[in-house]
């Protein structure tokens, strides 16, 4: 058996791993063909990676020109703790305000936020909704259509 077969995660573990994550590395292609690599907060929607960004950002301009991208979600510090999922695919762009707001809300609820700060629990939803409604007017959202998924869990190499 190849080591690749040993460390690959089955689809249900990939889904659980992606659902538990909050940040990913996002690679798009610059006009000259070089990678543009950034960290992004994300959420999952219907089993697909979802994220949003400012419409004028470099990644948004890159994706408008070429919808291909690669996303990497990883975890672990020691070699025998390393886990990750790499999703290569194309994006579906969402520009309508309700769609952008929906994705923004999914992402915002998963990230640490100064918007929420030390607010009482019953005020958190309203604060997040206000932030998302304001930010959504300047953003676009994306859903990743996976074409290839590669995973690894080096904890499988121990014992």
Protein backbone atom coordinates (compact mmCIF):
# COMPACT_ATOMS: atom_id res chain seq x y z
CA UNK A 1 0.00 0.00 0.00
CA UNK A 2 1.28 3.47 -0.88
CA UNK A 3 1.73 6.04 1.88
CA UNK A 4 -0.68 8.29 -0.06
CA UNK A 5 -3.41 5.67 0.38
CA UNK A 6 -2.64 5.43 4.10
CA UNK A 7 -2.89 9.17 4.82
CA UNK A 8 -5.85 10.09 2.59
CA UNK A 9 -9.05 10.94 4.44
CA UNK A 10 -12.34 9.37 3.37
CA UNK A 11 -14.99 11.83 2.10
CA UNK A 12 -16.86 12.01 5.42
CA UNK A 13 -13.66 12.99 7.26
CA UNK A 14 -12.88 15.59 4.58
CA UNK A 15 -16.35 17.09 5.08
CA UNK A 16 -15.94 17.12 8.88
CA UNK A 17 -12.46 18.67 8.63
CA UNK A 18 -13.64 21.45 6.28
CA UNK A 19 -16.71 22.14 8.42
CA UNK A 20 -14.53 22.56 11.52
CA UNK A 21 -12.07 24.97 9.88
CA UNK A 22 -12.35 28.75 9.69
CA UNK A 23 -9.36 29.89 7.63
CA UNK A 24 -7.94 28.77 4.34
CA UNK A 25 -5.15 29.69 1.98
CA UNK A 26 -6.65 30.85 -1.32
CA UNK A 27 -4.60 30.83 -4.53
CA UNK A 28 -5.79 32.64 -7.65
CA UNK A 29 -3.88 33.48 -10.81
CA UNK A 30 -2.47 36.96 -11.44
CA UNK A 31 -2.53 38.34 -15.00
CA UNK A 32 1.11 37.29 -15.48
CA UNK A 33 0.34 33.70 -14.42
CA UNK A 34 1.96 33.91 -10.98
CA UNK A 35 -0.05 32.73 -7.96
CA UNK A 36 -1.77 35.27 -5.73
CA UNK A 37 -1.95 33.61 -2.30
CA UNK A 38 -3.96 34.98 0.64
CA UNK A 39 -5.52 33.81 3.90
CA UNK A 40 -9.31 33.98 4.02
CA UNK A 41 -12.07 33.16 6.46
CA UNK A 42 -14.61 30.80 4.96
CA UNK A 43 -17.73 28.80 5.71
CA UNK A 44 -19.34 25.74 4.17
CA UNK A 45 -22.61 25.96 2.22
CA UNK A 46 -24.20 22.83 0.80
CA UNK A 47 -20.88 21.00 1.06
CA UNK A 48 -18.97 23.72 -0.81
CA UNK A 49 -16.46 26.28 0.40
CA UNK A 50 -17.96 29.78 0.52
CA UNK A 51 -16.14 33.08 1.02
CA UNK A 52 -16.55 36.78 0.31
CA UNK A 53 -14.20 39.63 -0.47
CA UNK A 54 -14.17 43.24 -1.59
CA UNK A 55 -15.18 43.55 -5.26
CA UNK A 56 -12.05 45.63 -6.01
CA UNK A 57 -9.60 43.19 -4.38
CA UNK A 58 -6.87 41.51 -6.41
CA UNK A 59 -8.39 38.07 -5.82
CA UNK A 60 -11.79 39.28 -7.10
CA UNK A 61 -10.17 40.75 -10.22
CA UNK A 62 -8.22 37.53 -10.75
CA UNK A 63 -11.34 35.37 -10.37
CA UNK A 64 -13.33 37.58 -12.76
CA UNK A 65 -10.66 36.95 -15.39
CA UNK A 66 -10.03 33.28 -14.56
CA UNK A 67 -12.38 31.44 -12.18
CA UNK A 68 -9.86 28.69 -11.33
CA UNK A 69 -8.47 28.54 -7.80
CA UNK A 70 -6.97 26.29 -5.16
CA UNK A 71 -7.96 26.33 -1.48
CA UNK A 72 -5.90 24.78 1.29
CA UNK A 73 -7.16 24.12 4.82
CA UNK A 74 -4.50 22.67 7.10
CA UNK A 75 -3.85 21.85 10.72
CA UNK A 76 -1.04 20.50 12.89
CA UNK A 77 2.44 21.53 13.99
CA UNK A 78 4.40 18.28 14.22
CA UNK A 79 4.88 16.12 11.10
CA UNK A 80 2.79 13.32 12.60
CA UNK A 81 -0.02 15.77 13.37
CA UNK A 82 -0.29 17.34 9.90
CA UNK A 83 -3.73 17.23 8.31
CA UNK A 84 -5.04 19.07 5.32
CA UNK A 85 -7.47 19.29 2.47
CA UNK A 86 -6.66 20.91 -0.87
CA UNK A 87 -9.62 21.76 -3.08
CA UNK A 88 -8.92 22.74 -6.68
CA UNK A 89 -11.81 24.00 -8.75
CA UNK A 90 -13.67 26.97 -10.13
CA UNK A 91 -15.80 29.58 -8.45
CA UNK A 92 -19.38 30.55 -8.97
CA UNK A 93 -19.61 34.29 -8.30
CA UNK A 94 -22.52 35.71 -6.32
CA UNK A 95 -23.19 39.41 -6.86
CA UNK A 96 -26.80 39.90 -5.76
CA UNK A 97 -27.06 41.60 -2.37
CA UNK A 98 -29.19 38.87 -0.69
CA UNK A 99 -26.73 36.17 -1.86
CA UNK A 100 -23.66 38.14 -0.77
CA UNK A 101 -25.33 38.88 2.57
CA UNK A 102 -26.12 35.19 3.10
CA UNK A 103 -22.51 34.13 2.47
CA UNK A 104 -21.21 37.05 4.55
CA UNK A 105 -23.38 36.00 7.48
CA UNK A 106 -22.13 32.40 7.26
CA UNK A 107 -18.50 33.57 7.25
CA UNK A 108 -18.93 36.28 9.90
CA UNK A 109 -20.47 33.92 12.43
CA UNK A 110 -17.35 31.72 12.25
CA UNK A 111 -14.69 34.37 12.70
CA UNK A 112 -13.50 36.13 15.84
CA UNK A 113 -14.88 39.61 15.58
CA UNK A 114 -14.24 42.98 17.17
CA UNK A 115 -17.80 43.78 16.04
CA UNK A 116 -19.11 41.45 18.73
CA UNK A 117 -16.48 42.17 21.39
CA UNK A 118 -17.92 41.71 24.87
CA UNK A 119 -21.55 42.11 23.87
CA UNK A 120 -24.13 40.08 25.77
CA UNK A 121 -25.15 36.94 23.87
CA UNK A 122 -28.61 38.34 23.04
CA UNK A 123 -27.02 41.32 21.19
CA UNK A 124 -24.46 39.36 19.14
CA UNK A 125 -26.81 38.44 16.26
CA UNK A 126 -27.92 42.06 15.76
CA UNK A 127 -24.31 43.32 15.80
CA UNK A 128 -23.23 40.70 13.25
CA UNK A 129 -26.25 41.44 11.05
CA UNK A 130 -25.39 45.15 11.08
CA UNK A 131 -21.77 44.48 10.15
CA UNK A 132 -22.69 42.05 7.37
CA UNK A 133 -25.38 44.35 5.92
CA UNK A 134 -22.89 47.23 5.75
CA UNK A 135 -20.00 45.17 4.36
CA UNK A 136 -22.11 43.27 1.80
CA UNK A 137 -22.69 46.40 -0.28
CA UNK A 138 -18.96 46.50 -1.14
CA UNK A 139 -18.34 42.79 -1.57
CA UNK A 140 -18.94 39.81 -3.77
CA UNK A 141 -19.24 36.21 -2.65
CA UNK A 142 -18.09 32.92 -4.11
CA UNK A 143 -18.90 29.24 -3.95
CA UNK A 144 -16.13 26.82 -4.87
CA UNK A 145 -17.10 24.12 -7.34
CA UNK A 146 -14.57 21.37 -6.53
CA UNK A 147 -12.86 19.61 -9.43
CA UNK A 148 -10.21 17.79 -7.40
CA UNK A 149 -9.93 17.18 -3.65
CA UNK A 150 -6.72 15.88 -2.08
CA UNK A 151 -6.42 15.15 1.64
CA UNK A 152 -3.88 13.92 4.14
CA UNK A 153 -3.87 13.01 7.80
CA UNK A 154 -0.39 12.12 9.04
CA UNK A 155 -1.81 10.92 12.34
CA UNK A 156 -2.61 7.73 10.40
CA UNK A 157 1.14 7.04 10.12
CA UNK A 158 1.50 6.56 13.89
CA UNK A 159 0.76 3.26 15.57
